Amino acid sequence: MVTYEYPRPALTADVVALRGACNAREVLLIRRRFDPFAGQWALPGGFVDEWELAEDAARRELAEETGITWDGPMTLVGVFGKQGRDPRGWTVSVVYVADTGVGDLELSAGDDAGEVGWFPVDELVSLAFDHDEVVAAALAVVS
């Protein structure tokens, strides 16, 4: 095994799943069951497994936490790694947006999600981590 002298962050993948028309967008959120931010609303997402592609991890986490198996297009929003965004340590997240259209998708909270639901983007409460910034960036990508 090769080792490096440089520190490496934990890698996560998050999904900003949207539905509705541009003037009435909703975003899919989970209520976290565990710390950090237990009880707060956040985007679906989680840690990327070893050798897993970030987009595959995003799709997996979306399915595990919300019950949605999304095989439609996902657009890269960006990479977020600001210091302090995750109290567990240096964590960098690759974020994708999935525009699911206007239809209803069956939701089922699972894994570390206690609840899951759609929320109007113009009425969001403060989200866990830096997910407020992430949602704003995703909306700029799809506008």
N, C-alpha and C. Protein backbone atom coordinates (compact mmCIF):
# COMPACT_ATOMS: atom_id res chain seq x y z
N MET A 1 0.83 -1.17 0.00
CA MET A 1 0.00 0.00 0.00
C MET A 1 0.88 1.24 0.00
N VAL A 2 0.52 2.19 -0.84
CA VAL A 2 1.26 3.43 -0.93
C VAL A 2 0.68 4.42 0.08
N THR A 3 1.56 5.10 0.78
CA THR A 3 1.10 6.12 1.71
C THR A 3 1.65 7.47 1.25
N TYR A 4 0.95 8.51 1.66
CA TYR A 4 1.33 9.86 1.26
C TYR A 4 1.49 10.71 2.51
N GLU A 5 2.35 11.72 2.41
CA GLU A 5 2.56 12.61 3.53
C GLU A 5 1.47 13.65 3.65
N TYR A 6 0.57 13.73 2.67
CA TYR A 6 -0.46 14.76 2.65
C TYR A 6 -1.75 14.25 3.32
N PRO A 7 -2.38 15.09 4.14
CA PRO A 7 -3.66 14.68 4.74
C PRO A 7 -4.74 14.60 3.68
N ARG A 8 -5.71 13.73 3.92
CA ARG A 8 -6.80 13.57 2.96
C ARG A 8 -8.14 13.73 3.68
N PRO A 9 -9.08 14.41 3.01
CA PRO A 9 -10.40 14.59 3.63
C PRO A 9 -11.28 13.36 3.46
N ALA A 10 -12.34 13.30 4.25
CA ALA A 10 -13.40 12.33 3.99
C ALA A 10 -14.18 12.86 2.79
N LEU A 11 -14.68 11.97 1.95
CA LEU A 11 -15.42 12.37 0.76
C LEU A 11 -16.87 11.95 0.90
N THR A 12 -17.77 12.90 0.66
CA THR A 12 -19.19 12.61 0.69
C THR A 12 -19.82 13.03 -0.63
N ALA A 13 -21.04 12.56 -0.86
CA ALA A 13 -21.82 12.95 -2.04
C ALA A 13 -23.23 13.30 -1.55
N ASP A 14 -23.74 14.43 -2.00
CA ASP A 14 -25.07 14.90 -1.62
C ASP A 14 -25.90 15.13 -2.87
N VAL A 15 -27.24 15.10 -2.69
CA VAL A 15 -28.16 15.30 -3.80
C VAL A 15 -29.15 16.41 -3.44
N VAL A 16 -29.27 17.37 -4.35
CA VAL A 16 -30.33 18.36 -4.27
C VAL A 16 -31.39 17.89 -5.26
N ALA A 17 -32.39 17.18 -4.75
CA ALA A 17 -33.49 16.70 -5.59
C ALA A 17 -34.56 17.77 -5.60
N LEU A 18 -34.94 18.19 -6.80
CA LEU A 18 -35.93 19.24 -6.97
C LEU A 18 -37.15 18.71 -7.71
N ARG A 19 -38.28 19.34 -7.46
CA ARG A 19 -39.47 19.06 -8.25
C ARG A 19 -40.26 20.36 -8.39
N GLY A 20 -41.14 20.38 -9.38
CA GLY A 20 -42.01 21.53 -9.58
C GLY A 20 -41.48 22.49 -10.63
N ALA A 21 -42.37 23.41 -11.00
CA ALA A 21 -42.03 24.44 -11.98
C ALA A 21 -41.04 25.43 -11.37
N CYS A 22 -40.35 26.16 -12.22
CA CYS A 22 -39.31 27.09 -11.76
C CYS A 22 -39.82 28.08 -10.71
N ASN A 23 -41.09 28.50 -10.81
CA ASN A 23 -41.61 29.48 -9.85
C ASN A 23 -42.22 28.82 -8.60
N ALA A 24 -42.18 27.49 -8.55
CA ALA A 24 -42.76 26.77 -7.40
C ALA A 24 -41.92 25.55 -7.05
N ARG A 25 -40.62 25.71 -7.04
CA ARG A 25 -39.72 24.58 -6.78
C ARG A 25 -39.82 24.09 -5.34
N GLU A 26 -39.64 22.78 -5.19
CA GLU A 26 -39.52 22.16 -3.88
C GLU A 26 -38.24 21.34 -3.87
N VAL A 27 -37.64 21.23 -2.69
CA VAL A 27 -36.42 20.45 -2.52
C VAL A 27 -36.71 19.32 -1.54
N LEU A 28 -36.11 18.18 -1.80
CA LEU A 28 -36.28 17.00 -0.96
C LEU A 28 -35.27 17.04 0.19
N LEU A 29 -35.77 16.92 1.42
CA LEU A 29 -34.91 16.96 2.60
C LEU A 29 -35.18 15.76 3.49
N ILE A 30 -34.17 15.42 4.26
CA ILE A 30 -34.29 14.38 5.29
C ILE A 30 -34.09 15.01 6.65
N ARG A 31 -34.76 14.46 7.66
CA ARG A 31 -34.49 14.87 9.04
C ARG A 31 -33.49 13.86 9.59
N ARG A 32 -32.33 14.36 10.00
CA ARG A 32 -31.25 13.49 10.45
C ARG A 32 -31.61 12.80 11.77
N ARG A 33 -31.37 11.48 11.82
CA ARG A 33 -31.63 10.72 13.05
C ARG A 33 -30.45 10.75 14.00
N PHE A 34 -29.25 10.96 13.48
CA PHE A 34 -28.05 10.86 14.30
C PHE A 34 -27.23 12.14 14.23
N ASP A 35 -26.37 12.32 15.22
CA ASP A 35 -25.40 13.41 15.20
C ASP A 35 -24.38 13.18 14.11
N PRO A 36 -23.81 14.23 13.57
CA PRO A 36 -24.06 15.61 13.93
C PRO A 36 -25.39 16.11 13.36
N PHE A 37 -25.94 17.11 14.00
CA PHE A 37 -27.17 17.76 13.58
C PHE A 37 -28.39 16.85 13.67
N ALA A 38 -28.43 15.96 14.66
CA ALA A 38 -29.60 15.09 14.85
C ALA A 38 -30.85 15.96 14.99
N GLY A 39 -31.90 15.56 14.29
CA GLY A 39 -33.17 16.27 14.34
C GLY A 39 -33.30 17.42 13.36
N GLN A 40 -32.21 17.81 12.73
CA GLN A 40 -32.26 18.91 11.77
C GLN A 40 -32.47 18.38 10.35
N TRP A 41 -32.99 19.26 9.50
CA TRP A 41 -33.21 18.92 8.10
C TRP A 41 -31.93 19.11 7.31
N ALA A 42 -31.71 18.23 6.34
CA ALA A 42 -30.50 18.24 5.53
C ALA A 42 -30.81 17.62 4.17
N LEU A 43 -29.88 17.75 3.28
CA LEU A 43 -29.97 17.07 1.99
C LEU A 43 -29.65 15.60 2.15
N PRO A 44 -30.22 14.75 1.32
CA PRO A 44 -29.80 13.34 1.33
C PRO A 44 -28.35 13.25 0.85
N GLY A 45 -27.60 12.39 1.50
CA GLY A 45 -26.20 12.21 1.10
C GLY A 45 -25.45 11.44 2.15
N GLY A 46 -24.19 11.17 1.85
CA GLY A 46 -23.36 10.44 2.80
C GLY A 46 -22.00 10.12 2.23
N PHE A 47 -21.28 9.31 2.95
CA PHE A 47 -19.90 9.02 2.61
C PHE A 47 -19.79 8.13 1.37
N VAL A 48 -18.79 8.44 0.56
CA VAL A 48 -18.48 7.66 -0.63
C VAL A 48 -17.67 6.44 -0.19
N ASP A 49 -18.10 5.26 -0.64
CA ASP A 49 -17.37 4.04 -0.32
C ASP A 49 -16.06 3.98 -1.12
N GLU A 50 -15.13 3.18 -0.63
CA GLU A 50 -13.85 3.04 -1.31
C GLU A 50 -14.05 2.60 -2.76
N TRP A 51 -13.46 3.33 -3.68
CA TRP A 51 -13.48 3.10 -5.12
C TRP A 51 -14.84 3.34 -5.76
N GLU A 52 -15.80 3.82 -5.00
CA GLU A 52 -17.12 4.14 -5.56
C GLU A 52 -17.05 5.51 -6.23
N LEU A 53 -17.69 5.65 -7.37
CA LEU A 53 -17.78 6.95 -8.03
C LEU A 53 -18.72 7.84 -7.22
N ALA A 54 -18.40 9.13 -7.16
CA ALA A 54 -19.20 10.06 -6.37
C ALA A 54 -20.66 10.09 -6.84
N GLU A 55 -20.91 10.07 -8.14
CA GLU A 55 -22.29 10.09 -8.63
C GLU A 55 -23.03 8.82 -8.23
N ASP A 56 -22.34 7.68 -8.27
CA ASP A 56 -22.96 6.43 -7.83
C ASP A 56 -23.30 6.49 -6.34
N ALA A 57 -22.42 7.10 -5.55
CA ALA A 57 -22.68 7.25 -4.12
C ALA A 57 -23.87 8.16 -3.89
N ALA A 58 -23.99 9.22 -4.67
CA ALA A 58 -25.12 10.13 -4.54
C ALA A 58 -26.43 9.40 -4.82
N ARG A 59 -26.46 8.61 -5.89
CA ARG A 59 -27.67 7.84 -6.23
C ARG A 59 -27.98 6.81 -5.12
N ARG A 60 -26.95 6.15 -4.61
CA ARG A 60 -27.14 5.15 -3.55
C ARG A 60 -27.70 5.80 -2.29
N GLU A 61 -27.10 6.90 -1.87
CA GLU A 61 -27.55 7.59 -0.66
C GLU A 61 -28.98 8.11 -0.83
N LEU A 62 -29.32 8.62 -2.01
CA LEU A 62 -30.68 9.08 -2.27
C LEU A 62 -31.66 7.94 -2.08
N ALA A 63 -31.34 6.77 -2.61
CA ALA A 63 -32.22 5.60 -2.48
C ALA A 63 -32.30 5.13 -1.03
N GLU A 64 -31.15 5.05 -0.36
CA GLU A 64 -31.13 4.55 1.03
C GLU A 64 -31.91 5.45 1.98
N GLU A 65 -31.81 6.76 1.79
CA GLU A 65 -32.38 7.70 2.75
C GLU A 65 -33.80 8.15 2.42
N THR A 66 -34.19 8.07 1.13
CA THR A 66 -35.50 8.60 0.74
C THR A 66 -36.40 7.58 0.05
N GLY A 67 -35.84 6.44 -0.36
CA GLY A 67 -36.61 5.45 -1.09
C GLY A 67 -36.71 5.73 -2.58
N ILE A 68 -36.10 6.82 -3.04
CA ILE A 68 -36.15 7.17 -4.47
C ILE A 68 -34.96 6.57 -5.20
N THR A 69 -35.26 5.71 -6.16
CA THR A 69 -34.23 5.19 -7.06
C THR A 69 -34.25 6.07 -8.30
N TRP A 70 -33.27 6.94 -8.42
CA TRP A 70 -33.24 7.92 -9.50
C TRP A 70 -32.24 7.49 -10.55
N ASP A 71 -32.76 7.20 -11.77
CA ASP A 71 -31.85 6.84 -12.86
C ASP A 71 -31.83 7.92 -13.93
N GLY A 72 -32.46 9.06 -13.63
CA GLY A 72 -32.44 10.19 -14.55
C GLY A 72 -31.13 10.94 -14.46
N PRO A 73 -31.03 12.02 -15.23
CA PRO A 73 -29.78 12.79 -15.24
C PRO A 73 -29.53 13.48 -13.90
N MET A 74 -28.26 13.57 -13.57
CA MET A 74 -27.81 14.33 -12.40
C MET A 74 -26.74 15.29 -12.89
N THR A 75 -26.86 16.53 -12.49
CA THR A 75 -25.93 17.57 -12.92
C THR A 75 -25.03 17.94 -11.75
N LEU A 76 -23.75 18.03 -12.02
CA LEU A 76 -22.80 18.41 -10.98
C LEU A 76 -23.04 19.86 -10.60
N VAL A 77 -23.26 20.11 -9.32
CA VAL A 77 -23.42 21.46 -8.79
C VAL A 77 -22.06 22.04 -8.44
N GLY A 78 -21.26 21.24 -7.76
CA GLY A 78 -19.94 21.70 -7.35
C GLY A 78 -19.37 20.83 -6.25
N VAL A 79 -18.23 21.28 -5.75
CA VAL A 79 -17.53 20.58 -4.67
C VAL A 79 -17.42 21.55 -3.51
N PHE A 80 -17.83 21.10 -2.34
CA PHE A 80 -17.90 21.96 -1.17
C PHE A 80 -16.98 21.40 -0.09
N GLY A 81 -16.04 22.22 0.39
CA GLY A 81 -15.08 21.74 1.37
C GLY A 81 -14.62 22.80 2.34
N LYS A 82 -15.47 23.81 2.56
CA LYS A 82 -15.10 24.90 3.46
C LYS A 82 -14.81 24.37 4.86
N GLN A 83 -13.79 24.91 5.48
CA GLN A 83 -13.43 24.51 6.84
C GLN A 83 -14.61 24.73 7.78
N GLY A 84 -14.91 23.72 8.60
CA GLY A 84 -15.97 23.82 9.58
C GLY A 84 -17.34 23.40 9.10
N ARG A 85 -17.44 22.97 7.84
CA ARG A 85 -18.77 22.59 7.31
C ARG A 85 -19.30 21.32 7.95
N ASP A 86 -18.40 20.50 8.49
CA ASP A 86 -18.80 19.26 9.15
C ASP A 86 -18.01 19.14 10.46
N PRO A 87 -18.69 19.08 11.60
CA PRO A 87 -17.98 19.02 12.88
C PRO A 87 -17.18 17.74 13.09
N ARG A 88 -17.37 16.74 12.23
CA ARG A 88 -16.61 15.49 12.37
C ARG A 88 -15.19 15.61 11.83
N GLY A 89 -14.90 16.70 11.12
CA GLY A 89 -13.56 16.88 10.57
C GLY A 89 -13.62 17.35 9.13
N TRP A 90 -12.47 17.29 8.47
CA TRP A 90 -12.34 17.78 7.10
C TRP A 90 -13.12 16.88 6.16
N THR A 91 -14.23 17.40 5.67
CA THR A 91 -15.12 16.64 4.80
C THR A 91 -15.41 17.45 3.55
N VAL A 92 -15.19 16.83 2.42
CA VAL A 92 -15.45 17.46 1.13
C VAL A 92 -16.61 16.73 0.48
N SER A 93 -17.59 17.51 -0.01
CA SER A 93 -18.77 16.91 -0.61
C SER A 93 -18.88 17.27 -2.08
N VAL A 94 -19.15 16.26 -2.89
CA VAL A 94 -19.46 16.44 -4.31
C VAL A 94 -20.99 16.46 -4.38
N VAL A 95 -21.55 17.53 -4.94
CA VAL A 95 -23.00 17.71 -4.91
C VAL A 95 -23.58 17.68 -6.32
N TYR A 96 -24.69 16.96 -6.43
CA TYR A 96 -25.41 16.82 -7.69
C TYR A 96 -26.83 17.32 -7.51
N VAL A 97 -27.42 17.81 -8.61
CA VAL A 97 -28.83 18.17 -8.60
C VAL A 97 -29.57 17.19 -9.51
N ALA A 98 -30.73 16.76 -9.04
CA ALA A 98 -31.61 15.89 -9.82
C ALA A 98 -32.95 16.59 -9.93
N ASP A 99 -33.31 17.02 -11.13
CA ASP A 99 -34.59 17.67 -11.35
C ASP A 99 -35.59 16.57 -11.69
N THR A 100 -36.46 16.25 -10.74
CA THR A 100 -37.34 15.09 -10.88
C THR A 100 -38.64 15.42 -11.62
N GLY A 101 -38.82 16.68 -12.03
CA GLY A 101 -40.02 17.05 -12.76
C GLY A 101 -41.11 17.55 -11.83
N VAL A 102 -42.35 17.26 -12.21
CA VAL A 102 -43.47 17.78 -11.43
C VAL A 102 -44.29 16.68 -10.76
N GLY A 103 -43.99 15.44 -11.04
CA GLY A 103 -44.78 14.33 -10.49
C GLY A 103 -44.41 13.97 -9.07
N ASP A 104 -45.28 13.15 -8.49
CA ASP A 104 -45.02 12.65 -7.14
C ASP A 104 -44.16 11.40 -7.20
N LEU A 105 -43.23 11.30 -6.29
CA LEU A 105 -42.41 10.12 -6.13
C LEU A 105 -42.71 9.56 -4.74
N GLU A 106 -42.79 8.25 -4.63
CA GLU A 106 -43.06 7.65 -3.33
C GLU A 106 -41.84 7.76 -2.45
N LEU A 107 -42.03 8.31 -1.25
CA LEU A 107 -40.93 8.53 -0.31
C LEU A 107 -40.99 7.52 0.82
N SER A 108 -39.80 7.14 1.29
CA SER A 108 -39.69 6.23 2.41
C SER A 108 -38.39 6.53 3.15
N ALA A 109 -38.51 7.09 4.35
CA ALA A 109 -37.32 7.42 5.13
C ALA A 109 -36.59 6.14 5.54
N GLY A 110 -35.28 6.12 5.36
CA GLY A 110 -34.50 4.96 5.72
C GLY A 110 -33.08 5.36 6.08
N ASP A 111 -32.28 4.36 6.45
CA ASP A 111 -30.88 4.55 6.82
C ASP A 111 -30.81 5.55 7.97
N ASP A 112 -30.11 6.67 7.81
CA ASP A 112 -30.02 7.61 8.92
C ASP A 112 -31.00 8.77 8.80
N ALA A 113 -32.05 8.59 7.99
CA ALA A 113 -33.10 9.60 7.87
C ALA A 113 -34.30 9.21 8.73
N GLY A 114 -34.70 10.09 9.63
CA GLY A 114 -35.88 9.84 10.45
C GLY A 114 -37.17 10.19 9.73
N GLU A 115 -37.11 11.20 8.89
CA GLU A 115 -38.24 11.65 8.08
C GLU A 115 -37.71 12.12 6.74
N VAL A 116 -38.61 12.19 5.77
CA VAL A 116 -38.25 12.72 4.46
C VAL A 116 -39.46 13.47 3.92
N GLY A 117 -39.20 14.59 3.24
CA GLY A 117 -40.31 15.35 2.69
C GLY A 117 -39.85 16.43 1.73
N TRP A 118 -40.82 16.93 0.97
CA TRP A 118 -40.59 18.02 0.01
C TRP A 118 -40.90 19.34 0.68
N PHE A 119 -40.06 20.36 0.44
CA PHE A 119 -40.23 21.67 1.04
C PHE A 119 -40.05 22.76 -0.01
N PRO A 120 -40.93 23.79 0.00
CA PRO A 120 -40.75 24.91 -0.93
C PRO A 120 -39.40 25.57 -0.70
N VAL A 121 -38.67 25.82 -1.79
CA VAL A 121 -37.32 26.37 -1.65
C VAL A 121 -37.34 27.78 -1.08
N ASP A 122 -38.44 28.50 -1.24
CA ASP A 122 -38.48 29.87 -0.71
C ASP A 122 -38.99 29.94 0.72
N GLU A 123 -39.19 28.76 1.35
CA GLU A 123 -39.64 28.72 2.75
C GLU A 123 -38.76 27.81 3.61
N LEU A 124 -37.53 27.55 3.19
CA LEU A 124 -36.67 26.61 3.91
C LEU A 124 -36.23 27.16 5.26
N VAL A 125 -36.21 26.27 6.24
CA VAL A 125 -35.61 26.58 7.53
C VAL A 125 -34.10 26.45 7.36
N SER A 126 -33.35 26.85 8.36
CA SER A 126 -31.89 26.69 8.31
C SER A 126 -31.56 25.20 8.28
N LEU A 127 -30.70 24.81 7.35
CA LEU A 127 -30.36 23.41 7.15
C LEU A 127 -29.05 23.05 7.84
N ALA A 128 -28.85 21.76 8.06
CA ALA A 128 -27.61 21.25 8.67
C ALA A 128 -26.43 21.47 7.72
N PHE A 129 -25.25 21.36 8.29
CA PHE A 129 -23.99 21.53 7.56
C PHE A 129 -24.01 22.88 6.85
N ASP A 130 -23.59 22.92 5.59
CA ASP A 130 -23.65 24.14 4.77
C ASP A 130 -24.71 23.98 3.68
N HIS A 131 -25.73 23.20 3.98
CA HIS A 131 -26.70 22.84 2.95
C HIS A 131 -27.54 24.02 2.47
N ASP A 132 -27.62 25.11 3.24
CA ASP A 132 -28.27 26.32 2.73
C ASP A 132 -27.51 26.83 1.50
N GLU A 133 -26.19 26.90 1.62
CA GLU A 133 -25.35 27.35 0.50
C GLU A 133 -25.43 26.38 -0.67
N VAL A 134 -25.48 25.10 -0.37
CA VAL A 134 -25.53 24.07 -1.40
C VAL A 134 -26.82 24.19 -2.21
N VAL A 135 -27.96 24.36 -1.53
CA VAL A 135 -29.24 24.50 -2.22
C VAL A 135 -29.21 25.75 -3.11
N ALA A 136 -28.70 26.86 -2.59
CA ALA A 136 -28.60 28.09 -3.39
C ALA A 136 -27.75 27.88 -4.64
N ALA A 137 -26.64 27.16 -4.51
CA ALA A 137 -25.78 26.88 -5.66
C ALA A 137 -26.50 26.00 -6.67
N ALA A 138 -27.25 25.01 -6.18
CA ALA A 138 -27.98 24.11 -7.08
C ALA A 138 -29.06 24.87 -7.85
N LEU A 139 -29.76 25.77 -7.17
CA LEU A 139 -30.79 26.55 -7.85
C LEU A 139 -30.20 27.44 -8.93
N ALA A 140 -29.00 27.95 -8.69
CA ALA A 140 -28.32 28.76 -9.71
C ALA A 140 -27.95 27.92 -10.92
N VAL A 141 -27.64 26.64 -10.71
CA VAL A 141 -27.26 25.75 -11.81
C VAL A 141 -28.47 25.42 -12.69
N VAL A 142 -29.64 25.22 -12.09
CA VAL A 142 -30.81 24.80 -12.86
C VAL A 142 -31.64 25.98 -13.37
N SER A 143 -31.34 27.18 -12.95
CA SER A 143 -32.12 28.36 -13.41
C SER A 143 -31.79 28.73 -14.82
